Amino acid sequence: MIQLEKTDAIIAILDKTFTTIRPLHDDSDYEFRQVSELIDILSKSHDEIISINIEGLRNEIWDFSSSTNNRTKSIKKVLNRFENLMDWKYISLGIEDLNKEVINDIDKFVIKQRHISRNYTSYEKNSIVMLYLRINQHFFKSVLDLKKLIEQFDKMVKLELLKNVIEVEEIFTQTTNKLSIDDNNTTVFADVLMDLYTNKFYPSIDKSVPLTQENVLLAFAEFIQTEYDYKPSSNTVISTEVLDEKAEVGKAFPDFLLYKNKKNLASALKREFSTEKGKAIRLLLEVLRLHDKPLISIAYRKKYELYKSMVKYFDRDIGKYQSVFDYKISHSADKNELEAIAIRLNHIIDMIEKE
């Protein structure tokens, strides 16, 4: 098991230093006989805190969480061990305000010490201020580094999740349709997929009909395709975007059509199918796809872009994305509707050809 040696060592230094400086800003009393003893204690704490490098802990904490199923939870649990640092009283201050607070702390401390007959020369007070200030500045830097570390972890977690999804996508390009899963997680994974299949895609499925592995895998593939839209970024790294119904439309609907007079066809479709929604739109797309000379090609990962282009072009409610593309077409059960749409489509094509 990976040990958090560096992390534990830094937490120990932080906790020890917080304990050392606490009497300088609260009502605790220092147990020392001479001012020089206090200065020596602060000097040692300062020398120790210089060694702290929060950002240098990234790999250790990341490796420590690698064996868990939920990196985010594991990482946050580790970072919560930096509770004293995160709860530090100056966490929300800027460096200038921090310096003012440090001076204010020492002024109050000196006054408190006078009540027990401990007086400080200007040199002694300045020495305490200098050491206390430097310690607090290191705390300040460590807080900023910890925030930065958390942001880095968040990005790394998202990239790892994306990488896993991409790997799943690649699985479904294979002809074998086999998943390579840790034996310890196979049952859990199958349960999740089965639930996904029965509840999300086939809520009315006949429970007496046994599900095959192929059923489940195809359902999982459809889930990935439905829920995410993959788009190359400027640096060619694939990114994942959750479906956003307010997203900008890319290609216009006519540009999806495979027809010489695509604009005329798009316009005619808009007029003819002016009230269809959800399932009917899905069936229309299927008829276009299966025409003698296919009139549309719905590329993998382009369903959502096509849906948005239709919403904009038809300029009306055509149903939610899920009501269109989550519908599973049955060429036997939907035969009559498909044929009716095909007749209307053929009439449109004939009219355009005569123009």
Protein backbone atom coordinates (compact mmCIF):
# COMPACT_ATOMS: atom_id res chain seq x y z
CA MET A 1 0.00 0.00 0.00
CA ILE A 2 1.29 3.44 -0.92
CA GLN A 3 2.26 5.52 2.11
CA LEU A 4 1.81 9.27 2.27
CA GLU A 5 5.27 9.90 3.67
CA LYS A 6 5.80 13.40 2.24
CA THR A 7 2.21 14.45 2.93
CA ASP A 8 2.27 13.20 6.52
CA ALA A 9 5.62 14.91 7.13
CA ILE A 10 4.31 18.26 5.87
CA ILE A 11 1.09 17.97 7.88
CA ALA A 12 3.18 17.28 10.98
CA ILE A 13 5.27 20.43 10.37
CA LEU A 14 2.15 22.52 9.76
CA ASP A 15 0.43 21.26 12.91
CA LYS A 16 3.55 21.82 15.00
CA THR A 17 4.01 25.34 13.63
CA PHE A 18 0.34 26.23 14.21
CA THR A 19 0.73 25.12 17.80
CA THR A 20 3.89 27.21 18.13
CA ILE A 21 2.37 30.48 16.89
CA ARG A 22 -1.11 30.06 18.37
CA PRO A 23 -0.37 32.07 21.55
CA LEU A 24 0.67 35.01 19.34
CA HIS A 25 -2.90 35.47 18.10
CA ASP A 26 -5.17 33.98 20.77
CA ASP A 27 -5.41 33.93 24.55
CA SER A 28 -2.95 31.09 25.12
CA ASP A 29 0.14 31.65 27.25
CA TYR A 30 3.69 30.86 26.26
CA GLU A 31 5.73 28.86 28.74
CA PHE A 32 9.18 30.45 28.43
CA ARG A 33 11.51 32.17 30.82
CA GLN A 34 13.21 34.65 28.50
CA VAL A 35 12.27 36.43 25.28
CA SER A 36 15.27 34.82 23.60
CA GLU A 37 13.62 31.43 24.16
CA LEU A 38 10.51 32.56 22.28
CA ILE A 39 12.64 33.91 19.42
CA ASP A 40 14.51 30.62 19.27
CA ILE A 41 11.23 28.64 19.09
CA LEU A 42 9.91 30.84 16.27
CA SER A 43 13.23 30.62 14.43
CA LYS A 44 13.15 26.81 14.49
CA SER A 45 9.54 26.80 13.24
CA HIS A 46 10.48 29.16 10.44
CA ASP A 47 13.39 26.94 9.40
CA GLU A 48 11.06 23.92 9.31
CA ILE A 49 8.24 25.56 7.37
CA ILE A 50 10.64 26.66 4.61
CA SER A 51 10.83 23.01 3.56
CA ILE A 52 7.09 22.80 2.83
CA ASN A 53 6.23 22.23 -0.83
CA ILE A 54 2.49 21.59 -1.19
CA GLU A 55 2.59 21.31 -4.98
CA GLY A 56 5.29 18.67 -4.68
CA LEU A 57 2.73 16.36 -3.08
CA ARG A 58 0.68 16.01 -6.27
CA ASN A 59 2.09 12.69 -7.46
CA GLU A 60 2.08 11.13 -4.01
CA ILE A 61 -1.57 11.97 -3.33
CA TRP A 62 -2.57 11.02 -6.88
CA ASP A 63 -0.80 7.66 -6.63
CA PHE A 64 -2.32 7.07 -3.20
CA SER A 65 -5.83 7.41 -4.64
CA SER A 66 -5.16 5.28 -7.72
CA SER A 67 -6.52 2.08 -6.19
CA THR A 68 -9.93 3.54 -5.36
CA ASN A 69 -13.05 3.63 -7.53
CA ASN A 70 -13.65 7.29 -6.83
CA ARG A 71 -10.58 9.47 -7.17
CA THR A 72 -12.38 12.69 -6.32
CA LYS A 73 -13.63 11.45 -2.97
CA SER A 74 -10.26 9.92 -2.10
CA ILE A 75 -8.29 13.05 -3.00
CA LYS A 76 -10.63 15.35 -1.09
CA LYS A 77 -10.35 13.04 1.91
CA VAL A 78 -6.57 13.38 1.85
CA LEU A 79 -6.71 17.13 1.36
CA ASN A 80 -9.08 17.42 4.32
CA ARG A 81 -6.12 16.39 6.43
CA PHE A 82 -4.86 19.91 5.74
CA GLU A 83 -7.76 21.19 7.83
CA ASN A 84 -5.62 23.60 9.88
CA LEU A 85 -4.21 25.16 6.75
CA MET A 86 -7.60 25.47 5.05
CA ASP A 87 -9.13 26.98 8.21
CA TRP A 88 -6.25 29.39 8.73
CA LYS A 89 -7.55 32.82 9.77
CA TYR A 90 -5.84 34.67 6.91
CA ILE A 91 -7.05 32.42 4.14
CA SER A 92 -9.27 35.10 2.60
CA LEU A 93 -6.81 37.96 3.00
CA GLY A 94 -4.38 39.44 0.52
CA ILE A 95 -0.70 39.70 1.36
CA GLU A 96 -0.96 43.39 2.40
CA ASP A 97 -3.86 42.70 4.77
CA LEU A 98 -1.96 39.70 6.08
CA ASN A 99 1.04 41.85 7.01
CA LYS A 100 -1.22 44.31 8.87
CA GLU A 101 -2.86 41.48 10.78
CA VAL A 102 0.55 40.11 11.78
CA ILE A 103 1.62 43.44 13.27
CA ASN A 104 -1.72 43.72 15.05
CA ASP A 105 -1.30 40.23 16.53
CA ILE A 106 2.16 41.06 17.90
CA ASP A 107 1.00 44.38 19.37
CA LYS A 108 -1.76 42.59 21.28
CA PHE A 109 0.65 39.85 22.32
CA VAL A 110 3.21 42.33 23.71
CA ILE A 111 0.52 44.12 25.72
CA LYS A 112 -0.70 40.80 27.11
CA GLN A 113 2.86 39.85 28.08
CA ARG A 114 3.36 43.10 29.98
CA HIS A 115 0.61 42.00 32.38
CA ILE A 116 2.86 39.19 33.51
CA SER A 117 5.92 41.43 33.68
CA ARG A 118 7.47 40.35 30.39
CA ASN A 119 8.78 43.39 28.54
CA TYR A 120 10.31 43.50 25.06
CA THR A 121 12.98 45.74 23.62
CA SER A 122 12.47 47.14 20.11
CA TYR A 123 14.99 44.64 18.78
CA GLU A 124 13.22 41.71 20.41
CA LYS A 125 9.82 42.85 19.21
CA ASN A 126 11.12 43.35 15.65
CA SER A 127 12.70 39.90 15.72
CA ILE A 128 9.39 38.34 16.76
CA VAL A 129 7.50 40.32 14.11
CA MET A 130 9.96 39.29 11.39
CA LEU A 131 9.79 35.59 12.24
CA TYR A 132 6.01 35.57 12.78
CA LEU A 133 5.51 37.46 9.54
CA ARG A 134 7.65 35.05 7.53
CA ILE A 135 5.90 32.03 9.03
CA ASN A 136 2.50 33.52 8.15
CA GLN A 137 3.67 34.34 4.64
CA HIS A 138 4.65 30.69 4.18
CA PHE A 139 1.18 29.72 5.39
CA PHE A 140 -0.28 32.14 2.88
CA LYS A 141 1.75 30.62 0.04
CA SER A 142 0.84 27.11 1.18
CA VAL A 143 -2.87 27.98 1.11
CA LEU A 144 -2.55 29.27 -2.46
CA ASP A 145 -0.57 26.17 -3.44
CA LEU A 146 -3.19 23.92 -1.85
CA LYS A 147 -5.96 25.64 -3.79
CA LYS A 148 -3.92 25.24 -6.97
CA LEU A 149 -3.33 21.58 -6.14
CA ILE A 150 -7.06 20.96 -5.74
CA GLU A 151 -7.70 22.62 -9.12
CA GLN A 152 -5.02 20.41 -10.71
CA PHE A 153 -6.60 17.31 -9.21
CA ASP A 154 -10.03 18.33 -10.48
CA LYS A 155 -8.61 18.65 -14.01
CA MET A 156 -6.75 15.36 -13.73
CA VAL A 157 -9.91 13.59 -12.53
CA LYS A 158 -11.91 14.98 -15.47
CA LEU A 159 -9.21 13.91 -17.92
CA GLU A 160 -9.14 10.43 -16.42
CA LEU A 161 -12.93 10.13 -16.60
CA LEU A 162 -12.78 11.29 -20.21
CA LYS A 163 -10.02 8.80 -20.95
CA ASN A 164 -12.15 6.00 -19.52
CA VAL A 165 -15.14 7.05 -21.61
CA ILE A 166 -12.99 7.20 -24.74
CA GLU A 167 -11.72 3.70 -23.95
CA VAL A 168 -15.32 2.54 -23.66
CA GLU A 169 -16.06 4.16 -27.02
CA GLU A 170 -13.14 2.27 -28.54
CA ILE A 171 -14.50 -0.97 -27.08
CA PHE A 172 -17.64 -0.62 -29.15
CA THR A 173 -15.65 -0.25 -32.34
CA GLN A 174 -14.34 -3.76 -31.80
CA THR A 175 -16.09 -6.70 -33.42
CA THR A 176 -15.80 -8.83 -30.29
CA ASN A 177 -17.83 -6.52 -28.02
CA LYS A 178 -15.98 -7.83 -25.01
CA LEU A 179 -15.12 -5.77 -21.96
CA SER A 180 -11.93 -6.28 -20.00
CA ILE A 181 -12.95 -5.70 -16.39
CA ASP A 182 -11.33 -6.42 -13.06
CA ASP A 183 -12.82 -9.71 -11.83
CA ASN A 184 -13.68 -8.08 -8.50
CA ASN A 185 -15.85 -5.47 -10.23
CA THR A 186 -17.50 -7.57 -12.94
CA THR A 187 -20.69 -8.21 -10.98
CA VAL A 188 -21.06 -4.57 -9.93
CA PHE A 189 -20.42 -3.38 -13.47
CA ALA A 190 -22.98 -5.83 -14.91
CA ASP A 191 -25.57 -4.73 -12.34
CA VAL A 192 -25.10 -1.09 -13.29
CA LEU A 193 -25.41 -1.85 -16.99
CA MET A 194 -28.46 -4.02 -16.44
CA ASP A 195 -30.15 -1.27 -14.45
CA LEU A 196 -29.23 1.23 -17.15
CA TYR A 197 -30.65 -1.05 -19.83
CA THR A 198 -33.94 -1.86 -18.12
CA ASN A 199 -34.73 1.53 -16.56
CA LYS A 200 -33.33 4.09 -19.00
CA PHE A 201 -33.77 2.48 -22.40
CA TYR A 202 -36.38 -0.25 -22.02
CA PRO A 203 -38.59 0.61 -19.02
CA SER A 204 -41.46 -1.55 -20.34
CA ILE A 205 -39.34 -4.56 -21.24
CA ASP A 206 -40.87 -7.97 -20.61
CA LYS A 207 -39.07 -9.13 -17.48
CA SER A 208 -39.69 -12.74 -18.45
CA VAL A 209 -37.38 -12.33 -21.45
CA PRO A 210 -33.75 -12.92 -20.38
CA LEU A 211 -31.25 -10.22 -21.31
CA THR A 212 -28.15 -11.17 -23.23
CA GLN A 213 -24.70 -9.67 -22.87
CA GLU A 214 -25.15 -8.15 -26.31
CA ASN A 215 -28.36 -6.42 -25.15
CA VAL A 216 -26.58 -4.86 -22.22
CA LEU A 217 -23.50 -3.79 -24.17
CA LEU A 218 -25.56 -2.16 -26.89
CA ALA A 219 -27.56 -0.29 -24.27
CA PHE A 220 -24.35 0.94 -22.67
CA ALA A 221 -23.00 2.05 -26.03
CA GLU A 222 -26.21 3.96 -26.71
CA PHE A 223 -26.00 5.63 -23.31
CA ILE A 224 -22.51 6.91 -24.02
CA GLN A 225 -23.59 8.17 -27.43
CA THR A 226 -26.76 9.79 -26.10
CA GLU A 227 -25.36 11.49 -23.05
CA TYR A 228 -22.17 12.92 -24.49
CA ASP A 229 -21.14 14.86 -27.56
CA TYR A 230 -17.46 14.49 -28.49
CA LYS A 231 -15.81 17.44 -30.23
CA PRO A 232 -12.09 17.91 -31.04
CA SER A 233 -10.61 20.96 -29.36
CA SER A 234 -7.97 23.27 -30.83
CA ASN A 235 -5.15 21.07 -29.55
CA THR A 236 -6.82 17.93 -30.96
CA VAL A 237 -7.50 16.49 -27.52
CA ILE A 238 -11.02 15.10 -27.41
CA SER A 239 -13.19 16.76 -24.81
CA THR A 240 -16.55 15.79 -23.35
CA GLU A 241 -19.48 18.16 -23.06
CA VAL A 242 -22.71 17.28 -21.28
CA LEU A 243 -25.68 17.94 -23.55
CA ASP A 244 -26.67 21.59 -23.25
CA GLU A 245 -30.00 22.56 -24.74
CA LYS A 246 -28.76 26.14 -25.15
CA ALA A 247 -25.65 25.12 -27.05
CA GLU A 248 -24.81 26.88 -30.30
CA VAL A 249 -25.77 25.07 -33.51
CA GLY A 250 -22.90 24.13 -35.83
CA LYS A 251 -23.89 22.78 -39.25
CA ALA A 252 -27.28 23.88 -40.63
CA PHE A 253 -29.95 21.23 -41.15
CA PRO A 254 -29.87 21.40 -45.01
CA ASP A 255 -26.16 20.56 -44.87
CA PHE A 256 -26.98 17.19 -43.30
CA LEU A 257 -29.04 16.21 -46.35
CA LEU A 258 -27.50 14.16 -49.16
CA TYR A 259 -29.44 15.66 -52.05
CA LYS A 260 -28.52 17.95 -54.93
CA ASN A 261 -31.28 20.45 -54.03
CA LYS A 262 -30.79 20.10 -50.30
CA LYS A 263 -32.18 23.54 -49.47
CA ASN A 264 -35.38 22.82 -51.42
CA LEU A 265 -35.71 19.45 -49.73
CA ALA A 266 -35.16 20.93 -46.27
CA SER A 267 -37.76 23.62 -46.91
CA ALA A 268 -40.28 21.06 -48.17
CA LEU A 269 -39.69 18.83 -45.13
CA LYS A 270 -40.30 21.79 -42.85
CA ARG A 271 -43.65 22.51 -44.55
CA GLU A 272 -44.84 18.91 -44.86
CA PHE A 273 -43.85 17.74 -41.38
CA SER A 274 -44.94 20.86 -39.53
CA THR A 275 -46.43 19.25 -36.42
CA GLU A 276 -44.40 16.06 -35.87
CA LYS A 277 -42.49 15.68 -32.60
CA GLY A 278 -40.34 13.16 -30.78
CA LYS A 279 -40.93 9.66 -32.12
CA ALA A 280 -42.34 10.99 -35.44
CA ILE A 281 -39.17 13.03 -36.04
CA ARG A 282 -37.06 9.94 -35.32
CA LEU A 283 -39.09 7.93 -37.84
CA LEU A 284 -38.75 10.72 -40.42
CA LEU A 285 -34.96 10.60 -40.05
CA GLU A 286 -35.04 6.83 -40.43
CA VAL A 287 -37.04 7.08 -43.67
CA LEU A 288 -34.59 9.68 -45.00
CA ARG A 289 -31.70 7.37 -44.08
CA LEU A 290 -33.25 4.27 -45.70
CA HIS A 291 -34.41 5.96 -48.90
CA ASP A 292 -33.40 4.23 -52.17
CA LYS A 293 -30.71 6.85 -52.43
CA PRO A 294 -30.01 7.77 -48.80
CA LEU A 295 -31.04 11.37 -48.17
CA ILE A 296 -29.27 11.78 -44.86
CA SER A 297 -26.26 10.39 -43.04
CA ILE A 298 -26.25 10.55 -39.25
CA ALA A 299 -22.61 10.23 -38.30
CA TYR A 300 -21.60 8.67 -35.00
CA ARG A 301 -21.49 11.37 -32.29
CA LYS A 302 -23.37 13.84 -34.54
CA LYS A 303 -26.91 13.11 -33.39
CA TYR A 304 -27.06 16.03 -31.01
CA GLU A 305 -25.69 18.48 -33.58
CA LEU A 306 -28.34 17.26 -36.04
CA TYR A 307 -31.05 17.65 -33.40
CA LYS A 308 -30.02 21.25 -32.62
CA SER A 309 -29.88 22.12 -36.33
CA MET A 310 -33.44 20.80 -36.77
CA VAL A 311 -34.72 22.77 -33.77
CA LYS A 312 -33.28 25.95 -35.25
CA TYR A 313 -34.34 25.25 -38.83
CA PHE A 314 -37.88 24.04 -38.09
CA ASP A 315 -38.22 26.93 -35.62
CA ARG A 316 -40.63 25.07 -33.38
CA ASP A 317 -40.84 22.40 -30.71
CA ILE A 318 -39.84 19.05 -32.22
CA GLY A 319 -39.58 17.36 -28.82
CA LYS A 320 -36.70 16.87 -26.43
CA TYR A 321 -33.49 15.29 -27.68
CA GLN A 322 -34.18 12.14 -25.67
CA SER A 323 -37.71 11.81 -27.08
CA VAL A 324 -36.21 11.78 -30.58
CA PHE A 325 -33.05 9.70 -30.33
CA ASP A 326 -33.83 7.57 -27.28
CA TYR A 327 -36.75 6.05 -29.17
CA LYS A 328 -35.87 2.53 -30.35
CA ILE A 329 -37.24 1.93 -33.84
CA SER A 330 -38.88 -1.41 -34.54
CA HIS A 331 -39.26 -1.91 -38.28
CA SER A 332 -42.07 -4.38 -37.62
CA ALA A 333 -44.00 -2.47 -34.95
CA ASP A 334 -43.44 0.90 -36.67
CA LYS A 335 -44.01 -0.44 -40.19
CA ASN A 336 -47.27 1.44 -40.90
CA GLU A 337 -45.92 4.79 -39.72
CA LEU A 338 -42.66 4.36 -41.62
CA GLU A 339 -44.53 3.55 -44.80
CA ALA A 340 -46.85 6.56 -44.39
CA ILE A 341 -43.87 8.87 -43.97
CA ALA A 342 -42.13 7.29 -46.97
CA ILE A 343 -45.17 8.02 -49.18
CA ARG A 344 -45.16 11.67 -48.12
CA LEU A 345 -41.40 11.89 -48.67
CA ASN A 346 -41.62 10.37 -52.15
CA HIS A 347 -44.29 12.91 -53.05
CA ILE A 348 -41.96 15.71 -51.90
CA ILE A 349 -39.09 14.33 -54.00
CA ASP A 350 -41.34 14.06 -57.08
CA MET A 351 -42.48 17.67 -56.69
CA ILE A 352 -38.91 18.94 -56.36
CA GLU A 353 -37.75 16.90 -59.38
CA LYS A 354 -40.49 18.48 -61.52
CA GLU A 355 -39.43 22.05 -60.63
